[in-house]
C-alpha atoms as a PDB file:
ATOM      1  CA  MET A   1      52.766 -37.629  92.522  1.00  0.00           C
ATOM      2  CA  SER A   2      49.112 -36.895  92.902  1.00  0.00           C
ATOM      3  CA  LYS A   3      47.145 -35.127  90.190  1.00  0.00           C
ATOM      4  CA  LYS A   4      46.737 -32.043  92.332  1.00  0.00           C
ATOM      5  CA  ARG A   5      50.467 -31.741  92.898  1.00  0.00           C
ATOM      6  CA  VAL A   6      51.248 -32.229  89.200  1.00  0.00           C
ATOM      7  CA  THR A   7      48.865 -29.439  88.187  1.00  0.00           C
ATOM      8  CA  LYS A   8      50.315 -27.145  90.840  1.00  0.00           C
ATOM      9  CA  ARG A   9      53.888 -27.757  89.693  1.00  0.00           C
ATOM     10  CA  SER A  10      53.094 -27.366  86.008  1.00  0.00           C
ATOM     11  CA  LYS A  11      51.776 -23.808  86.338  1.00  0.00           C
ATOM     12  CA  VAL A  12      53.671 -21.087  84.526  1.00  0.00           C
ATOM     13  CA  LYS A  13      53.677 -17.427  85.520  1.00  0.00           C
ATOM     14  CA  PRO A  14      54.594 -15.485  82.389  1.00  0.00           C
ATOM     15  CA  PHE A  15      55.537 -11.865  81.944  1.00  0.00           C
ATOM     16  CA  ILE A  16      55.701  -9.813  78.787  1.00  0.00           C
ATOM     17  CA  LYS A  17      58.273  -7.166  78.077  1.00  0.00           C
ATOM     18  CA  THR A  18      59.487  -5.187  75.100  1.00  0.00           C
ATOM     19  CA  ALA A  19      63.104  -5.689  74.122  1.00  0.00           C
ATOM     20  CA  ASN A  20      65.459  -4.055  71.697  1.00  0.00           C
ATOM     21  CA  PHE A  21      66.602  -6.817  69.361  1.00  0.00           C
ATOM     22  CA  ASN A  22      69.936  -5.062  68.797  1.00  0.00           C
ATOM     23  CA  HIS A  23      70.869  -5.797  72.411  1.00  0.00           C
ATOM     24  CA  LEU A  24      70.162  -9.542  72.313  1.00  0.00           C
ATOM     25  CA  MET A  25      72.857 -12.145  71.852  1.00  0.00           C
ATOM     26  CA  PRO A  26      72.213 -14.936  69.374  1.00  0.00           C
ATOM     27  CA  THR A  27      72.340 -18.474  70.713  1.00  0.00           C
ATOM     28  CA  ARG A  28      72.028 -21.907  69.234  1.00  0.00           C
ATOM     29  CA  TYR A  29      68.668 -22.431  70.953  1.00  0.00           C
ATOM     30  CA  THR A  30      65.434 -21.514  69.230  1.00  0.00           C
ATOM     31  CA  LEU A  31      61.847 -21.739  70.310  1.00  0.00           C
ATOM     32  CA  ASP A  32      59.237 -21.595  67.565  1.00  0.00           C
ATOM     33  CA  MET A  33      56.017 -20.279  69.022  1.00  0.00           C
ATOM     34  CA  ASP A  34      53.770 -19.118  66.204  1.00  0.00           C
ATOM     35  CA  THR A  35      50.880 -18.566  68.613  1.00  0.00           C
ATOM     36  CA  LEU A  36      52.822 -15.847  70.427  1.00  0.00           C
ATOM     37  CA  LYS A  37      53.430 -13.820  67.286  1.00  0.00           C
ATOM     38  CA  GLY A  38      49.723 -13.169  66.901  1.00  0.00           C
ATOM     39  CA  ALA A  39      49.117 -12.458  70.580  1.00  0.00           C
ATOM     40  CA  LEU A  40      51.855  -9.882  71.115  1.00  0.00           C
ATOM     41  CA  THR A  41      52.007  -6.674  69.117  1.00  0.00           C
ATOM     42  CA  ALA A  42      53.112  -3.113  69.817  1.00  0.00           C
ATOM     43  CA  ASP A  43      49.505  -2.191  70.601  1.00  0.00           C
ATOM     44  CA  THR A  44      49.376  -4.805  73.352  1.00  0.00           C
ATOM     45  CA  PHE A  45      51.354  -2.592  75.730  1.00  0.00           C
ATOM     46  CA  LYS A  46      49.088   0.470  75.424  1.00  0.00           C
ATOM     47  CA  GLU A  47      46.228  -0.658  77.671  1.00  0.00           C
ATOM     48  CA  PRO A  48      46.373  -2.834  80.799  1.00  0.00           C
ATOM     49  CA  THR A  49      43.393  -4.951  79.726  1.00  0.00           C
ATOM     50  CA  GLN A  50      45.088  -5.916  76.469  1.00  0.00           C
ATOM     51  CA  ARG A  51      48.250  -6.703  78.389  1.00  0.00           C
ATOM     52  CA  GLU A  52      46.367  -9.054  80.741  1.00  0.00           C
ATOM     53  CA  GLU A  53      44.720 -10.847  77.820  1.00  0.00           C
ATOM     54  CA  ALA A  54      48.115 -11.274  76.169  1.00  0.00           C
ATOM     55  CA  LYS A  55      49.557 -12.728  79.383  1.00  0.00           C
ATOM     56  CA  LYS A  56      46.696 -15.231  79.571  1.00  0.00           C
ATOM     57  CA  SER A  57      47.288 -16.386  76.002  1.00  0.00           C
ATOM     58  CA  VAL A  58      51.048 -16.681  76.620  1.00  0.00           C
ATOM     59  CA  LYS A  59      50.410 -18.674  79.797  1.00  0.00           C
ATOM     60  CA  LYS A  60      48.110 -21.059  77.973  1.00  0.00           C
ATOM     61  CA  ALA A  61      50.621 -21.574  75.152  1.00  0.00           C
ATOM     62  CA  PHE A  62      53.531 -22.253  77.523  1.00  0.00           C
ATOM     63  CA  GLU A  63      51.544 -24.625  79.727  1.00  0.00           C
ATOM     64  CA  GLU A  64      50.443 -26.624  76.683  1.00  0.00           C
ATOM     65  CA  ARG A  65      54.048 -26.768  75.481  1.00  0.00           C
ATOM     66  CA  TYR A  66      55.220 -27.910  78.929  1.00  0.00           C
ATOM     67  CA  GLN A  67      52.572 -30.620  79.279  1.00  0.00           C
ATOM     68  CA  THR A  68      53.276 -32.078  75.842  1.00  0.00           C
ATOM     69  CA  GLY A  69      56.988 -32.360  76.676  1.00  0.00           C
ATOM     70  CA  LYS A  70      58.314 -30.262  73.811  1.00  0.00           C
ATOM     71  CA  ASN A  71      61.454 -28.180  74.397  1.00  0.00           C
ATOM     72  CA  LYS A  72      62.309 -29.639  77.791  1.00  0.00           C
ATOM     73  CA  TRP A  73      65.481 -27.528  77.921  1.00  0.00           C
ATOM     74  CA  PHE A  74      63.343 -24.372  77.983  1.00  0.00           C
ATOM     75  CA  PHE A  75      61.579 -25.348  81.200  1.00  0.00           C
ATOM     76  CA  THR A  76      64.618 -26.467  83.186  1.00  0.00           C
ATOM     77  CA  PRO A  77      66.223 -24.054  85.667  1.00  0.00           C
ATOM     78  CA  LEU A  78      69.456 -22.383  84.668  1.00  0.00           C
ATOM     79  CA  ARG A  79      72.598 -23.827  86.241  1.00  0.00           C
ATOM     80  CA  PHE A  80      75.568 -21.532  86.643  1.00  0.00           C
END
């Protein structure tokens, strides 16, 4: 594939959302992302500008993780 096509396919469009941890099911898969812990806080969701900055930092972290090849299972589509 050409370089242009590789960069286009390796883009990630993240979203951020609050979740109640009591409603989540534990799985055997874990994803350690220490950079996300500092970027997302409860105050992030108060103003839209902070939310956009958080999305940009999450996008950068996920794209770096994808390009290095770590956690390939995380970036594969779900098969039901």
